[in-house]
Amino acid sequence: MQFKQLELKSEGSWLKRTLGSAHFKRTLIAIGVGALVGFTFYYFTEGRLMKSIPGTEILKSMAVGGFFGLFMTNSPCARGRC
């Protein structure tokens, strides 16, 4: 009997594999788009100048939008596990 030689490759560190994955990049893009949508929604619904809008309100809206972007890419249904 002949057996083939099994070749094992090093996968690298967990951090390097995670940062290089397509899913991680797609998640970052979705968070950025969600934050941008949250900011634009807040800006157009408030109807105030940028000088009169408090920075904390802008950050809250961007955080909510970023969370929605994160949820949209990492929910079980988005990954085909419904």
C-alpha atoms as a PDB file:
ATOM      1  CA  MET A   1       0.000   0.000   0.000  1.00  0.00           C
ATOM      2  CA  GLN A   2       1.117   3.524  -0.766  1.00  0.00           C
ATOM      3  CA  PHE A   3       0.056   6.545   1.171  1.00  0.00           C
ATOM      4  CA  LYS A   4       0.277  10.137   0.059  1.00  0.00           C
ATOM      5  CA  GLN A   5       2.280  12.547   2.133  1.00  0.00           C
ATOM      6  CA  LEU A   6      -0.016  14.896   4.022  1.00  0.00           C
ATOM      7  CA  GLU A   7       1.110  18.494   3.721  1.00  0.00           C
ATOM      8  CA  LEU A   8       0.177  20.756   6.592  1.00  0.00           C
ATOM      9  CA  LYS A   9       0.430  24.500   6.161  1.00  0.00           C
ATOM     10  CA  SER A  10       0.540  27.049   8.908  1.00  0.00           C
ATOM     11  CA  GLU A  11      -2.656  29.089   8.922  1.00  0.00           C
ATOM     12  CA  GLY A  12      -1.134  32.102  10.625  1.00  0.00           C
ATOM     13  CA  SER A  13      -2.497  33.856  13.655  1.00  0.00           C
ATOM     14  CA  TRP A  14      -6.183  34.205  14.397  1.00  0.00           C
ATOM     15  CA  LEU A  15      -5.991  37.983  14.108  1.00  0.00           C
ATOM     16  CA  LYS A  16      -4.381  37.865  10.677  1.00  0.00           C
ATOM     17  CA  ARG A  17      -6.973  35.380   9.386  1.00  0.00           C
ATOM     18  CA  THR A  18      -9.851  37.426  10.793  1.00  0.00           C
ATOM     19  CA  LEU A  19      -8.660  40.780   9.455  1.00  0.00           C
ATOM     20  CA  GLY A  20      -8.025  39.285   6.027  1.00  0.00           C
ATOM     21  CA  SER A  21     -11.376  37.556   5.661  1.00  0.00           C
ATOM     22  CA  ALA A  22     -13.975  38.786   3.196  1.00  0.00           C
ATOM     23  CA  HIS A  23     -16.708  38.676   5.849  1.00  0.00           C
ATOM     24  CA  PHE A  24     -14.764  41.035   8.131  1.00  0.00           C
ATOM     25  CA  LYS A  25     -14.245  43.523   5.303  1.00  0.00           C
ATOM     26  CA  ARG A  26     -17.923  43.346   4.341  1.00  0.00           C
ATOM     27  CA  THR A  27     -18.881  43.937   7.982  1.00  0.00           C
ATOM     28  CA  LEU A  28     -16.659  47.025   8.234  1.00  0.00           C
ATOM     29  CA  ILE A  29     -18.143  48.429   5.034  1.00  0.00           C
ATOM     30  CA  ALA A  30     -21.683  47.815   6.316  1.00  0.00           C
ATOM     31  CA  ILE A  31     -20.890  49.529   9.632  1.00  0.00           C
ATOM     32  CA  GLY A  32     -19.478  52.539   7.783  1.00  0.00           C
ATOM     33  CA  VAL A  33     -22.461  52.773   5.442  1.00  0.00           C
ATOM     34  CA  GLY A  34     -24.857  52.390   8.372  1.00  0.00           C
ATOM     35  CA  ALA A  35     -23.101  55.168  10.291  1.00  0.00           C
ATOM     36  CA  LEU A  36     -23.241  57.420   7.236  1.00  0.00           C
ATOM     37  CA  VAL A  37     -26.947  56.705   6.752  1.00  0.00           C
ATOM     38  CA  GLY A  38     -27.567  57.376  10.457  1.00  0.00           C
ATOM     39  CA  PHE A  39     -25.798  60.723  10.202  1.00  0.00           C
ATOM     40  CA  THR A  40     -27.612  61.804   7.043  1.00  0.00           C
ATOM     41  CA  PHE A  41     -30.974  60.746   8.476  1.00  0.00           C
ATOM     42  CA  TYR A  42     -30.346  62.786  11.626  1.00  0.00           C
ATOM     43  CA  TYR A  43     -29.075  65.771   9.640  1.00  0.00           C
ATOM     44  CA  PHE A  44     -32.046  65.934   7.287  1.00  0.00           C
ATOM     45  CA  THR A  45     -34.737  65.228   9.890  1.00  0.00           C
ATOM     46  CA  GLU A  46     -33.488  67.838  12.375  1.00  0.00           C
ATOM     47  CA  GLY A  47     -33.325  70.686   9.844  1.00  0.00           C
ATOM     48  CA  ARG A  48     -30.634  72.583  11.755  1.00  0.00           C
ATOM     49  CA  LEU A  49     -27.245  73.924  10.785  1.00  0.00           C
ATOM     50  CA  MET A  50     -24.183  71.828  11.611  1.00  0.00           C
ATOM     51  CA  LYS A  51     -23.032  74.452  14.129  1.00  0.00           C
ATOM     52  CA  SER A  52     -26.174  74.086  16.232  1.00  0.00           C
ATOM     53  CA  ILE A  53     -26.237  70.270  16.334  1.00  0.00           C
ATOM     54  CA  PRO A  54     -24.534  68.817  19.428  1.00  0.00           C
ATOM     55  CA  GLY A  55     -21.742  66.351  18.703  1.00  0.00           C
ATOM     56  CA  THR A  56     -23.150  63.750  21.071  1.00  0.00           C
ATOM     57  CA  GLU A  57     -26.399  63.598  19.110  1.00  0.00           C
ATOM     58  CA  ILE A  58     -24.483  63.021  15.887  1.00  0.00           C
ATOM     59  CA  LEU A  59     -22.425  60.262  17.512  1.00  0.00           C
ATOM     60  CA  LYS A  60     -25.553  58.577  18.870  1.00  0.00           C
ATOM     61  CA  SER A  61     -27.160  58.528  15.429  1.00  0.00           C
ATOM     62  CA  MET A  62     -23.977  57.218  13.832  1.00  0.00           C
ATOM     63  CA  ALA A  63     -23.682  54.508  16.504  1.00  0.00           C
ATOM     64  CA  VAL A  64     -27.257  53.354  15.897  1.00  0.00           C
ATOM     65  CA  GLY A  65     -26.670  53.301  12.142  1.00  0.00           C
ATOM     66  CA  GLY A  66     -23.411  51.402  12.607  1.00  0.00           C
ATOM     67  CA  PHE A  67     -25.183  48.866  14.808  1.00  0.00           C
ATOM     68  CA  PHE A  68     -27.799  48.302  12.119  1.00  0.00           C
ATOM     69  CA  GLY A  69     -25.012  47.769   9.582  1.00  0.00           C
ATOM     70  CA  LEU A  70     -23.360  45.256  11.916  1.00  0.00           C
ATOM     71  CA  PHE A  71     -26.641  43.465  12.521  1.00  0.00           C
ATOM     72  CA  MET A  72     -27.467  43.286   8.815  1.00  0.00           C
ATOM     73  CA  THR A  73     -24.206  41.494   7.994  1.00  0.00           C
ATOM     74  CA  ASN A  74     -23.914  39.271  11.065  1.00  0.00           C
ATOM     75  CA  SER A  75     -27.500  38.180  11.650  1.00  0.00           C
ATOM     76  CA  PRO A  76     -28.149  34.471  11.117  1.00  0.00           C
ATOM     77  CA  CYS A  77     -30.486  35.152   8.199  1.00  0.00           C
ATOM     78  CA  ALA A  78     -27.854  37.286   6.451  1.00  0.00           C
ATOM     79  CA  ARG A  79     -25.452  34.357   6.618  1.00  0.00           C
ATOM     80  CA  GLY A  80     -27.969  31.804   5.305  1.00  0.00           C
ATOM     81  CA  ARG A  81     -28.693  30.063   8.617  1.00  0.00           C
ATOM     82  CA  CYS A  82     -32.390  30.836   9.086  1.00  0.00           C
END
